[in-house]
């Protein structure tokens, strides 16, 4: 029985014929790219582009140069290796506190938490308040279209990509309990939590696998084409009374698969 490496090299050899694919090996690989969801206005960009900015270049929304943590793309709009795509993931998450927005001191605020349990039930700075960041991300997960082109040809169109192409990794939270305010007379509160499915079985599988040549131009984006797209509907909520004190959120697009590389 042929190994996955042999199956893929045989598939490529039968498709392209003349190359000596005996000098190649197949490695399990993932290409990933993360972008900041919002610029300084806090309004979600109507089109988020992926795999167009390599390491060392600046993310236009964050204004920060990308590191290996944000992308392993080292060619502008192209893969380093011939690549076989077997799965697609998206990743929508709030950045850690130390990397957060400095406006409104979000990155140092002691109230940058999920729970809301302060007097009066407001929890200023909490991500989980009603109408807060977690509510916003849950609603956003029911919107958008993932569109992927290689060269001049379209290969993928996925509606509601955050639900249909979840990250399929990480911690699975089964429940999140509501809390009561600190003052005995205060109204009990409910905390909200949003996350994509962490179940590996929910990964979006590409069947049959898609072979992409290394020099193919990648045009991958998440677009919000809703007729209700407006600043009013797509602006992240502030975490406190300071205008612009929204949470920083990153969006990732990951291709699972196999890289076809020369043997040593």
C-alpha atoms as a PDB file:
ATOM      1  CA  UNK A   1       0.000   0.000   0.000  1.00  0.00           C
ATOM      2  CA  UNK A   2       1.425   3.365  -1.052  1.00  0.00           C
ATOM      3  CA  UNK A   3       2.188   5.998   1.552  1.00  0.00           C
ATOM      4  CA  UNK A   4       0.536   9.436   1.369  1.00  0.00           C
ATOM      5  CA  UNK A   5       3.798  10.820  -0.005  1.00  0.00           C
ATOM      6  CA  UNK A   6       3.853   8.194  -2.764  1.00  0.00           C
ATOM      7  CA  UNK A   7       0.170   8.694  -3.558  1.00  0.00           C
ATOM      8  CA  UNK A   8       0.626  12.439  -3.993  1.00  0.00           C
ATOM      9  CA  UNK A   9       3.813  12.196  -6.081  1.00  0.00           C
ATOM     10  CA  UNK A  10       2.144   9.541  -8.250  1.00  0.00           C
ATOM     11  CA  UNK A  11      -0.864  11.825  -8.693  1.00  0.00           C
ATOM     12  CA  UNK A  12       1.383  14.706  -9.781  1.00  0.00           C
ATOM     13  CA  UNK A  13       3.454  12.483 -12.058  1.00  0.00           C
ATOM     14  CA  UNK A  14       0.346  11.130 -13.806  1.00  0.00           C
ATOM     15  CA  UNK A  15      -0.940  14.666 -14.255  1.00  0.00           C
ATOM     16  CA  UNK A  16       2.239  16.313 -15.547  1.00  0.00           C
ATOM     17  CA  UNK A  17       4.120  13.327 -16.914  1.00  0.00           C
ATOM     18  CA  UNK A  18       7.700  14.229 -17.692  1.00  0.00           C
ATOM     19  CA  UNK A  19       9.241  15.503 -14.429  1.00  0.00           C
ATOM     20  CA  UNK A  20      11.288  13.116 -12.293  1.00  0.00           C
ATOM     21  CA  UNK A  21       9.123  13.066  -9.200  1.00  0.00           C
ATOM     22  CA  UNK A  22      11.307  10.382  -7.658  1.00  0.00           C
ATOM     23  CA  UNK A  23      13.551  13.242  -6.527  1.00  0.00           C
ATOM     24  CA  UNK A  24      10.744  14.794  -4.491  1.00  0.00           C
ATOM     25  CA  UNK A  25       9.306  14.134  -1.068  1.00  0.00           C
ATOM     26  CA  UNK A  26       6.003  15.143   0.451  1.00  0.00           C
ATOM     27  CA  UNK A  27       5.852  16.825   3.856  1.00  0.00           C
ATOM     28  CA  UNK A  28       2.778  17.515   5.965  1.00  0.00           C
ATOM     29  CA  UNK A  29       2.560  21.314   5.956  1.00  0.00           C
ATOM     30  CA  UNK A  30       0.267  24.195   6.770  1.00  0.00           C
ATOM     31  CA  UNK A  31       0.284  27.608   5.147  1.00  0.00           C
ATOM     32  CA  UNK A  32      -1.288  30.270   7.363  1.00  0.00           C
ATOM     33  CA  UNK A  33      -1.826  34.000   7.276  1.00  0.00           C
ATOM     34  CA  UNK A  34      -3.343  36.309   9.910  1.00  0.00           C
ATOM     35  CA  UNK A  35      -4.528  39.890   9.499  1.00  0.00           C
ATOM     36  CA  UNK A  36      -5.936  42.458  11.912  1.00  0.00           C
ATOM     37  CA  UNK A  37      -9.684  42.609  11.426  1.00  0.00           C
ATOM     38  CA  UNK A  38     -10.030  46.360  11.872  1.00  0.00           C
ATOM     39  CA  UNK A  39      -7.967  49.480  11.214  1.00  0.00           C
ATOM     40  CA  UNK A  40      -7.823  52.333  13.734  1.00  0.00           C
ATOM     41  CA  UNK A  41     -11.488  53.196  13.117  1.00  0.00           C
ATOM     42  CA  UNK A  42     -12.659  49.886  14.600  1.00  0.00           C
ATOM     43  CA  UNK A  43     -14.821  49.237  11.529  1.00  0.00           C
ATOM     44  CA  UNK A  44     -14.397  45.728  10.112  1.00  0.00           C
ATOM     45  CA  UNK A  45     -12.888  45.977   6.640  1.00  0.00           C
ATOM     46  CA  UNK A  46     -15.336  44.920   3.957  1.00  0.00           C
ATOM     47  CA  UNK A  47     -12.590  42.867   2.302  1.00  0.00           C
ATOM     48  CA  UNK A  48      -9.832  41.126   4.255  1.00  0.00           C
ATOM     49  CA  UNK A  49      -6.995  39.944   1.994  1.00  0.00           C
ATOM     50  CA  UNK A  50      -4.821  36.928   2.833  1.00  0.00           C
ATOM     51  CA  UNK A  51      -1.533  35.563   1.534  1.00  0.00           C
ATOM     52  CA  UNK A  52      -0.631  38.840  -0.148  1.00  0.00           C
ATOM     53  CA  UNK A  53       1.787  40.229   2.475  1.00  0.00           C
ATOM     54  CA  UNK A  54       4.826  38.098   3.416  1.00  0.00           C
ATOM     55  CA  UNK A  55       6.865  38.112   6.610  1.00  0.00           C
ATOM     56  CA  UNK A  56       8.542  41.429   7.322  1.00  0.00           C
ATOM     57  CA  UNK A  57       5.965  43.487   5.417  1.00  0.00           C
ATOM     58  CA  UNK A  58       3.353  45.618   7.146  1.00  0.00           C
ATOM     59  CA  UNK A  59      -0.244  44.613   7.805  1.00  0.00           C
ATOM     60  CA  UNK A  60      -2.179  47.697   6.612  1.00  0.00           C
ATOM     61  CA  UNK A  61      -4.773  47.387   9.391  1.00  0.00           C
ATOM     62  CA  UNK A  62      -2.405  46.919  12.332  1.00  0.00           C
ATOM     63  CA  UNK A  63       0.485  48.982  10.977  1.00  0.00           C
ATOM     64  CA  UNK A  64       2.845  46.298  12.333  1.00  0.00           C
ATOM     65  CA  UNK A  65       5.295  44.164  10.344  1.00  0.00           C
ATOM     66  CA  UNK A  66       4.253  40.526  10.145  1.00  0.00           C
ATOM     67  CA  UNK A  67       6.321  37.922  11.964  1.00  0.00           C
ATOM     68  CA  UNK A  68       6.336  34.134  11.701  1.00  0.00           C
ATOM     69  CA  UNK A  69       3.476  34.123  14.207  1.00  0.00           C
ATOM     70  CA  UNK A  70       1.250  35.980  11.725  1.00  0.00           C
ATOM     71  CA  UNK A  71       2.295  34.250   8.508  1.00  0.00           C
ATOM     72  CA  UNK A  72       4.698  31.692   7.078  1.00  0.00           C
ATOM     73  CA  UNK A  73       4.385  33.194   3.610  1.00  0.00           C
ATOM     74  CA  UNK A  74       7.785  34.353   2.363  1.00  0.00           C
ATOM     75  CA  UNK A  75       6.863  35.175  -1.232  1.00  0.00           C
ATOM     76  CA  UNK A  76       4.473  37.954  -2.146  1.00  0.00           C
ATOM     77  CA  UNK A  77       1.199  36.230  -3.095  1.00  0.00           C
ATOM     78  CA  UNK A  78       2.801  32.847  -3.837  1.00  0.00           C
ATOM     79  CA  UNK A  79       3.569  29.603  -2.026  1.00  0.00           C
ATOM     80  CA  UNK A  80       7.192  28.592  -1.529  1.00  0.00           C
ATOM     81  CA  UNK A  81       6.541  24.997  -2.606  1.00  0.00           C
ATOM     82  CA  UNK A  82       4.175  23.139  -4.867  1.00  0.00           C
ATOM     83  CA  UNK A  83       1.309  22.434  -2.510  1.00  0.00           C
ATOM     84  CA  UNK A  84      -1.579  19.986  -2.137  1.00  0.00           C
ATOM     85  CA  UNK A  85      -4.509  21.443  -0.173  1.00  0.00           C
ATOM     86  CA  UNK A  86      -6.527  18.949   1.871  1.00  0.00           C
ATOM     87  CA  UNK A  87      -8.352  21.257   4.293  1.00  0.00           C
ATOM     88  CA  UNK A  88      -9.255  24.868   5.062  1.00  0.00           C
ATOM     89  CA  UNK A  89      -9.522  26.564   8.451  1.00  0.00           C
ATOM     90  CA  UNK A  90     -10.373  30.071   9.591  1.00  0.00           C
ATOM     91  CA  UNK A  91      -9.447  31.499  12.981  1.00  0.00           C
ATOM     92  CA  UNK A  92     -11.218  34.414  14.665  1.00  0.00           C
ATOM     93  CA  UNK A  93      -9.837  35.398  18.064  1.00  0.00           C
ATOM     94  CA  UNK A  94      -9.196  38.265  20.483  1.00  0.00           C
ATOM     95  CA  UNK A  95      -5.520  39.101  20.971  1.00  0.00           C
ATOM     96  CA  UNK A  96      -3.921  38.631  24.418  1.00  0.00           C
ATOM     97  CA  UNK A  97      -4.151  41.562  26.803  1.00  0.00           C
ATOM     98  CA  UNK A  98      -0.484  42.548  26.457  1.00  0.00           C
ATOM     99  CA  UNK A  99      -0.975  43.003  22.686  1.00  0.00           C
ATOM    100  CA  UNK A 100      -4.199  44.924  23.037  1.00  0.00           C
ATOM    101  CA  UNK A 101      -5.318  48.392  22.090  1.00  0.00           C
ATOM    102  CA  UNK A 102      -3.555  51.187  24.002  1.00  0.00           C
ATOM    103  CA  UNK A 103      -6.527  53.504  23.464  1.00  0.00           C
ATOM    104  CA  UNK A 104      -8.502  53.593  26.691  1.00  0.00           C
ATOM    105  CA  UNK A 105      -5.656  51.627  28.308  1.00  0.00           C
ATOM    106  CA  UNK A 106      -7.251  48.379  27.137  1.00  0.00           C
ATOM    107  CA  UNK A 107      -3.824  46.711  27.164  1.00  0.00           C
ATOM    108  CA  UNK A 108      -3.320  47.458  30.875  1.00  0.00           C
ATOM    109  CA  UNK A 109      -6.877  47.678  32.187  1.00  0.00           C
ATOM    110  CA  UNK A 110      -7.602  45.285  35.083  1.00  0.00           C
ATOM    111  CA  UNK A 111     -11.146  44.930  33.715  1.00  0.00           C
ATOM    112  CA  UNK A 112     -10.064  43.374  30.392  1.00  0.00           C
ATOM    113  CA  UNK A 113     -11.731  40.077  31.263  1.00  0.00           C
ATOM    114  CA  UNK A 114     -14.453  37.786  30.032  1.00  0.00           C
ATOM    115  CA  UNK A 115     -16.625  37.847  33.152  1.00  0.00           C
ATOM    116  CA  UNK A 116     -18.782  40.777  34.196  1.00  0.00           C
ATOM    117  CA  UNK A 117     -19.256  40.807  37.939  1.00  0.00           C
ATOM    118  CA  UNK A 118     -18.828  44.362  39.130  1.00  0.00           C
ATOM    119  CA  UNK A 119     -21.420  46.396  41.016  1.00  0.00           C
ATOM    120  CA  UNK A 120     -24.309  47.341  38.801  1.00  0.00           C
ATOM    121  CA  UNK A 121     -23.623  44.451  36.418  1.00  0.00           C
ATOM    122  CA  UNK A 122     -21.698  46.516  33.896  1.00  0.00           C
ATOM    123  CA  UNK A 123     -18.163  45.157  34.084  1.00  0.00           C
ATOM    124  CA  UNK A 124     -16.520  48.033  32.202  1.00  0.00           C
ATOM    125  CA  UNK A 125     -13.843  46.579  29.949  1.00  0.00           C
ATOM    126  CA  UNK A 126     -15.319  43.094  29.964  1.00  0.00           C
ATOM    127  CA  UNK A 127     -15.454  41.211  26.663  1.00  0.00           C
ATOM    128  CA  UNK A 128     -18.570  39.326  27.760  1.00  0.00           C
ATOM    129  CA  UNK A 129     -21.043  42.113  28.490  1.00  0.00           C
ATOM    130  CA  UNK A 130     -24.347  42.161  26.627  1.00  0.00           C
ATOM    131  CA  UNK A 131     -23.768  43.870  23.300  1.00  0.00           C
ATOM    132  CA  UNK A 132     -20.004  43.521  23.807  1.00  0.00           C
ATOM    133  CA  UNK A 133     -17.150  41.988  21.865  1.00  0.00           C
ATOM    134  CA  UNK A 134     -18.244  38.350  22.209  1.00  0.00           C
ATOM    135  CA  UNK A 135     -21.763  39.171  21.021  1.00  0.00           C
ATOM    136  CA  UNK A 136     -20.281  41.048  18.083  1.00  0.00           C
ATOM    137  CA  UNK A 137     -18.050  38.132  17.031  1.00  0.00           C
ATOM    138  CA  UNK A 138     -20.924  35.665  17.315  1.00  0.00           C
ATOM    139  CA  UNK A 139     -23.020  37.787  14.966  1.00  0.00           C
ATOM    140  CA  UNK A 140     -20.077  38.264  12.610  1.00  0.00           C
ATOM    141  CA  UNK A 141     -19.646  34.489  12.377  1.00  0.00           C
ATOM    142  CA  UNK A 142     -22.959  34.296  10.531  1.00  0.00           C
ATOM    143  CA  UNK A 143     -21.741  36.687   7.852  1.00  0.00           C
ATOM    144  CA  UNK A 144     -19.156  36.837   5.121  1.00  0.00           C
ATOM    145  CA  UNK A 145     -17.867  34.846   2.167  1.00  0.00           C
ATOM    146  CA  UNK A 146     -14.492  33.161   1.780  1.00  0.00           C
ATOM    147  CA  UNK A 147     -13.315  33.465  -1.822  1.00  0.00           C
ATOM    148  CA  UNK A 148     -10.108  31.807  -3.056  1.00  0.00           C
ATOM    149  CA  UNK A 149      -8.598  32.086  -6.528  1.00  0.00           C
ATOM    150  CA  UNK A 150      -5.352  30.585  -7.794  1.00  0.00           C
ATOM    151  CA  UNK A 151      -4.144  32.223 -10.978  1.00  0.00           C
ATOM    152  CA  UNK A 152      -7.214  33.378 -12.858  1.00  0.00           C
ATOM    153  CA  UNK A 153      -9.448  30.538 -11.682  1.00  0.00           C
ATOM    154  CA  UNK A 154     -11.799  30.446  -8.705  1.00  0.00           C
ATOM    155  CA  UNK A 155     -11.590  27.296  -6.593  1.00  0.00           C
ATOM    156  CA  UNK A 156     -13.493  28.047  -3.399  1.00  0.00           C
ATOM    157  CA  UNK A 157     -16.561  30.045  -2.389  1.00  0.00           C
ATOM    158  CA  UNK A 158     -17.669  29.364   1.184  1.00  0.00           C
ATOM    159  CA  UNK A 159     -20.521  31.228   2.844  1.00  0.00           C
ATOM    160  CA  UNK A 160     -20.334  31.925   6.619  1.00  0.00           C
ATOM    161  CA  UNK A 161     -16.729  30.750   6.633  1.00  0.00           C
ATOM    162  CA  UNK A 162     -16.194  31.144  10.393  1.00  0.00           C
ATOM    163  CA  UNK A 163     -18.865  28.491  10.992  1.00  0.00           C
ATOM    164  CA  UNK A 164     -18.184  26.192   8.052  1.00  0.00           C
ATOM    165  CA  UNK A 165     -14.373  26.367   8.156  1.00  0.00           C
ATOM    166  CA  UNK A 166     -13.652  26.538  11.912  1.00  0.00           C
ATOM    167  CA  UNK A 167     -10.188  26.323  13.427  1.00  0.00           C
ATOM    168  CA  UNK A 168     -10.862  22.805  14.739  1.00  0.00           C
ATOM    169  CA  UNK A 169      -8.240  23.155  17.473  1.00  0.00           C
ATOM    170  CA  UNK A 170      -7.826  24.572  20.942  1.00  0.00           C
ATOM    171  CA  UNK A 171      -9.876  24.493  24.118  1.00  0.00           C
ATOM    172  CA  UNK A 172     -13.544  23.506  23.910  1.00  0.00           C
ATOM    173  CA  UNK A 173     -15.712  25.435  26.384  1.00  0.00           C
ATOM    174  CA  UNK A 174     -18.972  23.638  27.058  1.00  0.00           C
ATOM    175  CA  UNK A 175     -20.642  26.298  29.181  1.00  0.00           C
ATOM    176  CA  UNK A 176     -20.066  29.687  30.699  1.00  0.00           C
ATOM    177  CA  UNK A 177     -22.070  30.582  33.758  1.00  0.00           C
ATOM    178  CA  UNK A 178     -23.653  33.931  34.428  1.00  0.00           C
ATOM    179  CA  UNK A 179     -22.660  35.874  37.504  1.00  0.00           C
ATOM    180  CA  UNK A 180     -24.195  38.302  39.911  1.00  0.00           C
ATOM    181  CA  UNK A 181     -23.054  41.810  40.554  1.00  0.00           C
ATOM    182  CA  UNK A 182     -20.925  42.575  43.603  1.00  0.00           C
ATOM    183  CA  UNK A 183     -23.670  44.601  45.280  1.00  0.00           C
ATOM    184  CA  UNK A 184     -26.425  42.452  46.797  1.00  0.00           C
ATOM    185  CA  UNK A 185     -29.122  44.669  45.319  1.00  0.00           C
ATOM    186  CA  UNK A 186     -27.643  44.744  41.809  1.00  0.00           C
ATOM    187  CA  UNK A 187     -29.249  42.986  38.874  1.00  0.00           C
ATOM    188  CA  UNK A 188     -27.722  39.549  38.110  1.00  0.00           C
ATOM    189  CA  UNK A 189     -25.747  39.520  34.878  1.00  0.00           C
ATOM    190  CA  UNK A 190     -25.070  37.049  32.118  1.00  0.00           C
ATOM    191  CA  UNK A 191     -21.631  36.635  30.538  1.00  0.00           C
ATOM    192  CA  UNK A 192     -21.324  35.869  26.829  1.00  0.00           C
ATOM    193  CA  UNK A 193     -18.708  33.673  25.205  1.00  0.00           C
ATOM    194  CA  UNK A 194     -17.935  33.068  21.523  1.00  0.00           C
ATOM    195  CA  UNK A 195     -15.533  30.597  19.993  1.00  0.00           C
ATOM    196  CA  UNK A 196     -15.313  28.571  16.819  1.00  0.00           C
ATOM    197  CA  UNK A 197     -15.613  24.812  16.972  1.00  0.00           C
ATOM    198  CA  UNK A 198     -12.488  23.166  18.425  1.00  0.00           C
ATOM    199  CA  UNK A 199     -13.562  19.727  17.180  1.00  0.00           C
ATOM    200  CA  UNK A 200     -11.056  18.454  14.602  1.00  0.00           C
ATOM    201  CA  UNK A 201     -13.900  16.636  12.826  1.00  0.00           C
ATOM    202  CA  UNK A 202     -15.439  19.979  11.869  1.00  0.00           C
ATOM    203  CA  UNK A 203     -12.515  20.969   9.669  1.00  0.00           C
ATOM    204  CA  UNK A 204     -13.483  21.853   6.085  1.00  0.00           C
ATOM    205  CA  UNK A 205     -12.052  19.020   3.999  1.00  0.00           C
ATOM    206  CA  UNK A 206     -11.010  19.509   0.376  1.00  0.00           C
ATOM    207  CA  UNK A 207     -11.966  16.355  -1.508  1.00  0.00           C
ATOM    208  CA  UNK A 208     -10.404  15.570  -3.857  1.00  0.00           C
ATOM    209  CA  UNK A 209      -7.249  17.397  -2.769  1.00  0.00           C
ATOM    210  CA  UNK A 210      -6.269  20.455  -4.799  1.00  0.00           C
ATOM    211  CA  UNK A 211      -2.771  20.743  -6.273  1.00  0.00           C
ATOM    212  CA  UNK A 212      -1.432  24.315  -6.473  1.00  0.00           C
ATOM    213  CA  UNK A 213       1.782  25.108  -8.335  1.00  0.00           C
ATOM    214  CA  UNK A 214       4.255  27.249  -6.402  1.00  0.00           C
ATOM    215  CA  UNK A 215       4.206  30.137  -8.898  1.00  0.00           C
ATOM    216  CA  UNK A 216       0.408  30.444  -8.945  1.00  0.00           C
ATOM    217  CA  UNK A 217      -0.809  33.863  -7.789  1.00  0.00           C
ATOM    218  CA  UNK A 218      -2.956  33.583  -4.640  1.00  0.00           C
ATOM    219  CA  UNK A 219      -6.047  35.761  -4.400  1.00  0.00           C
ATOM    220  CA  UNK A 220      -7.741  34.824  -1.115  1.00  0.00           C
ATOM    221  CA  UNK A 221     -10.143  37.042   0.807  1.00  0.00           C
ATOM    222  CA  UNK A 222     -13.011  37.147   3.262  1.00  0.00           C
ATOM    223  CA  UNK A 223     -15.608  39.626   2.070  1.00  0.00           C
ATOM    224  CA  UNK A 224     -18.664  41.022   3.797  1.00  0.00           C
ATOM    225  CA  UNK A 225     -21.045  41.547   0.922  1.00  0.00           C
ATOM    226  CA  UNK A 226     -24.198  41.998   3.007  1.00  0.00           C
ATOM    227  CA  UNK A 227     -26.604  44.697   1.913  1.00  0.00           C
ATOM    228  CA  UNK A 228     -26.500  45.930   5.515  1.00  0.00           C
ATOM    229  CA  UNK A 229     -22.743  46.563   5.454  1.00  0.00           C
ATOM    230  CA  UNK A 230     -22.186  49.904   7.166  1.00  0.00           C
ATOM    231  CA  UNK A 231     -20.053  51.406   9.904  1.00  0.00           C
ATOM    232  CA  UNK A 232     -23.034  51.170  12.262  1.00  0.00           C
ATOM    233  CA  UNK A 233     -23.314  47.389  11.815  1.00  0.00           C
ATOM    234  CA  UNK A 234     -19.635  46.475  11.518  1.00  0.00           C
ATOM    235  CA  UNK A 235     -17.924  48.549  14.227  1.00  0.00           C
ATOM    236  CA  UNK A 236     -16.454  46.730  17.213  1.00  0.00           C
ATOM    237  CA  UNK A 237     -17.962  47.963  20.508  1.00  0.00           C
ATOM    238  CA  UNK A 238     -15.832  50.039  22.861  1.00  0.00           C
ATOM    239  CA  UNK A 239     -14.695  48.315  26.044  1.00  0.00           C
ATOM    240  CA  UNK A 240     -14.935  51.459  28.140  1.00  0.00           C
ATOM    241  CA  UNK A 241     -16.024  55.082  27.924  1.00  0.00           C
ATOM    242  CA  UNK A 242     -13.061  56.113  25.756  1.00  0.00           C
ATOM    243  CA  UNK A 243     -13.855  56.315  22.032  1.00  0.00           C
ATOM    244  CA  UNK A 244     -11.773  53.803  20.076  1.00  0.00           C
ATOM    245  CA  UNK A 245     -11.257  51.447  23.026  1.00  0.00           C
ATOM    246  CA  UNK A 246     -12.298  48.353  21.070  1.00  0.00           C
ATOM    247  CA  UNK A 247     -10.567  44.998  21.394  1.00  0.00           C
ATOM    248  CA  UNK A 248      -7.968  43.993  18.821  1.00  0.00           C
ATOM    249  CA  UNK A 249      -9.144  40.924  16.902  1.00  0.00           C
ATOM    250  CA  UNK A 250      -7.137  38.862  14.423  1.00  0.00           C
ATOM    251  CA  UNK A 251      -8.501  36.755  11.583  1.00  0.00           C
ATOM    252  CA  UNK A 252      -6.550  33.848  10.151  1.00  0.00           C
ATOM    253  CA  UNK A 253      -6.837  31.695   7.036  1.00  0.00           C
ATOM    254  CA  UNK A 254      -5.031  28.353   7.084  1.00  0.00           C
ATOM    255  CA  UNK A 255      -4.549  25.776   4.333  1.00  0.00           C
ATOM    256  CA  UNK A 256      -3.798  22.257   5.561  1.00  0.00           C
ATOM    257  CA  UNK A 257      -2.022  19.884   3.223  1.00  0.00           C
ATOM    258  CA  UNK A 258       1.293  18.658   1.876  1.00  0.00           C
ATOM    259  CA  UNK A 259       4.294  20.523   0.506  1.00  0.00           C
ATOM    260  CA  UNK A 260       6.159  18.896  -2.375  1.00  0.00           C
ATOM    261  CA  UNK A 261       9.867  19.582  -1.792  1.00  0.00           C
ATOM    262  CA  UNK A 262      13.180  18.318  -3.234  1.00  0.00           C
ATOM    263  CA  UNK A 263      14.757  15.362  -1.449  1.00  0.00           C
ATOM    264  CA  UNK A 264      17.954  15.968   0.523  1.00  0.00           C
END
